[in-house]
Amino acid sequence: MAASETRPPRATVRAKAQLTLPTEIREALHVSEGDEVEFTITDAGEVLLRGMTSVPADQRWFWEPEWQAGEREASEQIKAGDVEIFDDADAMFASLND
């Protein structure tokens, strides 16, 4: 390896086939303790690793495609400055009722 190249992250397989993912890999996968990972073996023999985060059943609604579409729409409106600010909750509800 040339001096300017860095070695890819590595982990050592330990007892019971356990390994610790390096910090930069955990961050790239967006996983933390208790999350799952999924392995896919390609036809070329490469192994792909994907982070999986468990969602409690009572919060599953948030991840439904329709709800996520609404979240994306709201985020775009906020980013575009298409928002209305109210002094209090009563003014907000009055606006919703109009």
N, C-alpha and C. Protein backbone atom coordinates (compact mmCIF):
# COMPACT_ATOMS: atom_id res chain seq x y z
N MET A 1 0.83 -1.19 0.00
CA MET A 1 0.00 0.00 0.00
C MET A 1 0.87 1.25 0.00
N ALA A 2 0.48 2.22 -0.79
CA ALA A 2 1.22 3.47 -0.82
C ALA A 2 0.99 4.22 0.48
N ALA A 3 1.90 5.13 0.80
CA ALA A 3 1.82 5.87 2.05
C ALA A 3 0.53 6.69 2.15
N SER A 4 0.00 7.14 0.99
CA SER A 4 -1.19 7.98 1.02
C SER A 4 -2.48 7.16 1.19
N GLU A 5 -2.41 5.84 0.96
CA GLU A 5 -3.58 4.99 1.10
C GLU A 5 -3.75 4.56 2.55
N THR A 6 -4.98 4.40 2.96
CA THR A 6 -5.23 3.90 4.31
C THR A 6 -5.82 2.51 4.21
N ARG A 7 -5.59 1.73 5.21
CA ARG A 7 -6.10 0.37 5.24
C ARG A 7 -7.59 0.40 5.53
N PRO A 8 -8.40 -0.40 4.83
CA PRO A 8 -9.83 -0.44 5.12
C PRO A 8 -10.08 -0.92 6.55
N PRO A 9 -11.20 -0.54 7.13
CA PRO A 9 -11.50 -0.99 8.49
C PRO A 9 -11.56 -2.52 8.56
N ARG A 10 -11.11 -3.05 9.67
CA ARG A 10 -11.10 -4.51 9.87
C ARG A 10 -11.63 -4.84 11.25
N ALA A 11 -12.05 -6.08 11.41
CA ALA A 11 -12.47 -6.60 12.71
C ALA A 11 -11.96 -8.03 12.82
N THR A 12 -11.74 -8.48 14.04
CA THR A 12 -11.26 -9.82 14.29
C THR A 12 -12.40 -10.70 14.78
N VAL A 13 -12.54 -11.88 14.18
CA VAL A 13 -13.57 -12.82 14.62
C VAL A 13 -13.11 -13.42 15.94
N ARG A 14 -13.96 -13.37 16.94
CA ARG A 14 -13.62 -13.85 18.28
C ARG A 14 -14.39 -15.13 18.59
N ALA A 15 -14.33 -15.56 19.83
CA ALA A 15 -15.03 -16.76 20.26
C ALA A 15 -16.50 -16.66 19.88
N LYS A 16 -17.09 -17.78 19.56
CA LYS A 16 -18.50 -17.87 19.16
C LYS A 16 -18.78 -17.06 17.91
N ALA A 17 -17.78 -16.85 17.06
CA ALA A 17 -17.90 -16.13 15.78
C ALA A 17 -18.37 -14.70 15.95
N GLN A 18 -18.06 -14.08 17.09
CA GLN A 18 -18.46 -12.70 17.34
C GLN A 18 -17.38 -11.74 16.85
N LEU A 19 -17.84 -10.55 16.41
CA LEU A 19 -16.89 -9.51 16.06
C LEU A 19 -17.47 -8.16 16.45
N THR A 20 -16.60 -7.19 16.62
CA THR A 20 -17.00 -5.83 16.94
C THR A 20 -16.79 -4.99 15.70
N LEU A 21 -17.87 -4.34 15.26
CA LEU A 21 -17.75 -3.48 14.08
C LEU A 21 -17.01 -2.21 14.46
N PRO A 22 -16.05 -1.79 13.65
CA PRO A 22 -15.35 -0.53 13.93
C PRO A 22 -16.34 0.64 13.93
N THR A 23 -16.03 1.68 14.68
CA THR A 23 -16.91 2.84 14.82
C THR A 23 -17.35 3.40 13.48
N GLU A 24 -16.43 3.58 12.54
CA GLU A 24 -16.81 4.19 11.26
C GLU A 24 -17.78 3.30 10.48
N ILE A 25 -17.71 1.99 10.67
CA ILE A 25 -18.64 1.08 10.00
C ILE A 25 -20.02 1.18 10.66
N ARG A 26 -20.06 1.18 12.00
CA ARG A 26 -21.35 1.34 12.71
C ARG A 26 -22.02 2.65 12.31
N GLU A 27 -21.24 3.72 12.21
CA GLU A 27 -21.81 5.01 11.82
C GLU A 27 -22.32 4.98 10.38
N ALA A 28 -21.58 4.35 9.48
CA ALA A 28 -22.00 4.26 8.08
C ALA A 28 -23.28 3.43 7.94
N LEU A 29 -23.43 2.41 8.79
CA LEU A 29 -24.61 1.55 8.76
C LEU A 29 -25.78 2.13 9.57
N HIS A 30 -25.49 3.17 10.36
CA HIS A 30 -26.49 3.77 11.26
C HIS A 30 -27.05 2.74 12.23
N VAL A 31 -26.16 1.95 12.83
CA VAL A 31 -26.59 0.95 13.80
C VAL A 31 -25.91 1.20 15.14
N SER A 32 -26.58 0.73 16.17
CA SER A 32 -26.01 0.79 17.52
C SER A 32 -26.43 -0.48 18.24
N GLU A 33 -26.06 -0.58 19.50
CA GLU A 33 -26.35 -1.79 20.28
C GLU A 33 -27.83 -2.14 20.21
N GLY A 34 -28.10 -3.39 19.92
CA GLY A 34 -29.47 -3.87 19.85
C GLY A 34 -30.05 -3.88 18.44
N ASP A 35 -29.42 -3.14 17.50
CA ASP A 35 -29.88 -3.15 16.12
C ASP A 35 -29.41 -4.43 15.43
N GLU A 36 -30.06 -4.75 14.34
CA GLU A 36 -29.68 -5.93 13.57
C GLU A 36 -28.94 -5.50 12.30
N VAL A 37 -28.19 -6.44 11.74
CA VAL A 37 -27.58 -6.24 10.44
C VAL A 37 -28.02 -7.40 9.54
N GLU A 38 -28.03 -7.13 8.25
CA GLU A 38 -28.46 -8.14 7.27
C GLU A 38 -27.31 -8.38 6.31
N PHE A 39 -27.05 -9.64 6.01
CA PHE A 39 -25.98 -10.02 5.10
C PHE A 39 -26.57 -10.51 3.79
N THR A 40 -25.96 -10.11 2.67
CA THR A 40 -26.32 -10.61 1.35
C THR A 40 -25.04 -11.10 0.70
N ILE A 41 -25.09 -12.32 0.18
CA ILE A 41 -23.93 -12.88 -0.52
C ILE A 41 -24.21 -12.75 -2.02
N THR A 42 -23.34 -12.03 -2.73
CA THR A 42 -23.53 -11.81 -4.16
C THR A 42 -23.05 -13.03 -4.95
N ASP A 43 -23.41 -13.08 -6.22
CA ASP A 43 -22.95 -14.17 -7.09
C ASP A 43 -21.43 -14.18 -7.20
N ALA A 44 -20.81 -13.02 -7.03
CA ALA A 44 -19.34 -12.93 -7.10
C ALA A 44 -18.67 -13.37 -5.80
N GLY A 45 -19.49 -13.72 -4.79
CA GLY A 45 -18.93 -14.17 -3.52
C GLY A 45 -18.64 -13.06 -2.54
N GLU A 46 -19.02 -11.83 -2.89
CA GLU A 46 -18.84 -10.72 -1.95
C GLU A 46 -20.00 -10.72 -0.95
N VAL A 47 -19.72 -10.24 0.25
CA VAL A 47 -20.75 -10.16 1.28
C VAL A 47 -21.09 -8.70 1.51
N LEU A 48 -22.36 -8.37 1.35
CA LEU A 48 -22.83 -7.01 1.60
C LEU A 48 -23.48 -6.98 2.98
N LEU A 49 -23.27 -5.90 3.70
CA LEU A 49 -23.79 -5.76 5.05
C LEU A 49 -24.68 -4.53 5.09
N ARG A 50 -25.88 -4.69 5.62
CA ARG A 50 -26.84 -3.59 5.69
C ARG A 50 -27.36 -3.48 7.11
N GLY A 51 -27.40 -2.26 7.63
CA GLY A 51 -27.91 -2.04 8.97
C GLY A 51 -29.42 -2.11 9.00
N MET A 52 -29.95 -2.73 10.04
CA MET A 52 -31.40 -2.85 10.22
C MET A 52 -31.73 -2.33 11.62
N THR A 53 -32.65 -1.39 11.69
CA THR A 53 -33.07 -0.86 12.98
C THR A 53 -34.48 -1.36 13.26
N SER A 54 -34.67 -1.97 14.41
CA SER A 54 -35.99 -2.46 14.79
C SER A 54 -36.87 -1.30 15.20
N VAL A 55 -38.13 -1.38 14.82
CA VAL A 55 -39.11 -0.36 15.17
C VAL A 55 -40.19 -1.02 16.03
N PRO A 56 -40.47 -0.46 17.20
CA PRO A 56 -41.54 -1.04 18.03
C PRO A 56 -42.86 -1.06 17.25
N ALA A 57 -43.64 -2.11 17.44
CA ALA A 57 -44.89 -2.29 16.69
C ALA A 57 -45.82 -1.09 16.81
N ASP A 58 -45.86 -0.45 17.98
CA ASP A 58 -46.78 0.68 18.15
C ASP A 58 -46.29 1.95 17.46
N GLN A 59 -45.09 1.91 16.86
CA GLN A 59 -44.57 3.06 16.11
C GLN A 59 -44.42 2.76 14.62
N ARG A 60 -44.91 1.59 14.22
CA ARG A 60 -44.80 1.17 12.83
C ARG A 60 -45.50 2.13 11.88
N TRP A 61 -46.61 2.74 12.28
CA TRP A 61 -47.38 3.66 11.45
C TRP A 61 -46.51 4.75 10.84
N PHE A 62 -45.51 5.22 11.61
CA PHE A 62 -44.67 6.31 11.15
C PHE A 62 -43.88 5.93 9.90
N TRP A 63 -43.62 4.66 9.71
CA TRP A 63 -42.78 4.19 8.61
C TRP A 63 -43.60 3.68 7.43
N GLU A 64 -44.92 3.80 7.49
CA GLU A 64 -45.76 3.42 6.36
C GLU A 64 -45.47 4.37 5.19
N PRO A 65 -45.50 3.89 3.95
CA PRO A 65 -45.18 4.74 2.80
C PRO A 65 -46.00 6.03 2.74
N GLU A 66 -47.28 5.94 3.05
CA GLU A 66 -48.13 7.15 2.99
C GLU A 66 -47.66 8.19 4.00
N TRP A 67 -47.35 7.74 5.22
CA TRP A 67 -46.92 8.69 6.25
C TRP A 67 -45.57 9.30 5.87
N GLN A 68 -44.66 8.48 5.37
CA GLN A 68 -43.35 8.98 4.97
C GLN A 68 -43.47 9.98 3.83
N ALA A 69 -44.42 9.76 2.91
CA ALA A 69 -44.64 10.72 1.83
C ALA A 69 -45.07 12.07 2.41
N GLY A 70 -45.93 12.04 3.41
CA GLY A 70 -46.35 13.27 4.08
C GLY A 70 -45.19 13.95 4.80
N GLU A 71 -44.31 13.16 5.40
CA GLU A 71 -43.13 13.71 6.08
C GLU A 71 -42.22 14.41 5.07
N ARG A 72 -42.01 13.77 3.91
CA ARG A 72 -41.18 14.39 2.87
C ARG A 72 -41.79 15.68 2.38
N GLU A 73 -43.12 15.67 2.17
CA GLU A 73 -43.81 16.88 1.71
C GLU A 73 -43.67 18.01 2.73
N ALA A 74 -43.85 17.68 4.01
CA ALA A 74 -43.72 18.69 5.06
C ALA A 74 -42.30 19.24 5.11
N SER A 75 -41.32 18.36 4.99
CA SER A 75 -39.91 18.81 5.02
C SER A 75 -39.61 19.75 3.86
N GLU A 76 -40.16 19.44 2.69
CA GLU A 76 -39.95 20.32 1.53
C GLU A 76 -40.61 21.68 1.74
N GLN A 77 -41.80 21.68 2.33
CA GLN A 77 -42.48 22.95 2.60
C GLN A 77 -41.70 23.79 3.61
N ILE A 78 -41.19 23.15 4.64
CA ILE A 78 -40.40 23.86 5.65
C ILE A 78 -39.14 24.43 5.01
N LYS A 79 -38.46 23.61 4.21
CA LYS A 79 -37.23 24.06 3.54
C LYS A 79 -37.50 25.25 2.62
N ALA A 80 -38.67 25.27 1.98
CA ALA A 80 -39.03 26.35 1.07
C ALA A 80 -39.55 27.59 1.81
N GLY A 81 -39.69 27.47 3.14
CA GLY A 81 -40.18 28.61 3.92
C GLY A 81 -41.69 28.74 3.89
N ASP A 82 -42.37 27.73 3.39
CA ASP A 82 -43.84 27.73 3.31
C ASP A 82 -44.41 27.28 4.65
N VAL A 83 -44.27 28.16 5.67
CA VAL A 83 -44.73 27.85 7.02
C VAL A 83 -45.52 29.02 7.58
N GLU A 84 -46.30 28.73 8.59
CA GLU A 84 -47.06 29.77 9.28
C GLU A 84 -46.75 29.64 10.76
N ILE A 85 -46.43 30.75 11.39
CA ILE A 85 -46.06 30.75 12.80
C ILE A 85 -47.19 31.40 13.61
N PHE A 86 -47.55 30.77 14.71
CA PHE A 86 -48.64 31.25 15.55
C PHE A 86 -48.11 31.66 16.92
N ASP A 87 -48.81 32.61 17.54
CA ASP A 87 -48.41 33.08 18.87
C ASP A 87 -48.79 32.08 19.95
N ASP A 88 -49.86 31.31 19.70
CA ASP A 88 -50.29 30.34 20.70
C ASP A 88 -51.12 29.24 20.03
N ALA A 89 -51.44 28.22 20.80
CA ALA A 89 -52.18 27.07 20.27
C ALA A 89 -53.57 27.46 19.81
N ASP A 90 -54.22 28.40 20.53
CA ASP A 90 -55.57 28.81 20.12
C ASP A 90 -55.56 29.40 18.72
N ALA A 91 -54.57 30.22 18.42
CA ALA A 91 -54.47 30.84 17.09
C ALA A 91 -54.22 29.77 16.03
N MET A 92 -53.42 28.77 16.38
CA MET A 92 -53.16 27.68 15.44
C MET A 92 -54.44 26.91 15.14
N PHE A 93 -55.19 26.54 16.18
CA PHE A 93 -56.42 25.79 15.97
C PHE A 93 -57.46 26.62 15.23
N ALA A 94 -57.52 27.91 15.50
CA ALA A 94 -58.45 28.78 14.78
C ALA A 94 -58.11 28.78 13.30
N SER A 95 -56.83 28.81 12.95
CA SER A 95 -56.40 28.78 11.55
C SER A 95 -56.76 27.45 10.90
N LEU A 96 -56.62 26.37 11.64
CA LEU A 96 -56.96 25.05 11.10
C LEU A 96 -58.45 24.92 10.84
N ASN A 97 -59.25 25.55 11.68
CA ASN A 97 -60.70 25.49 11.55
C ASN A 97 -61.23 26.34 10.41
N ASP A 98 -60.43 27.33 9.95
CA ASP A 98 -60.87 28.22 8.85
C ASP A 98 -60.85 27.54 7.52
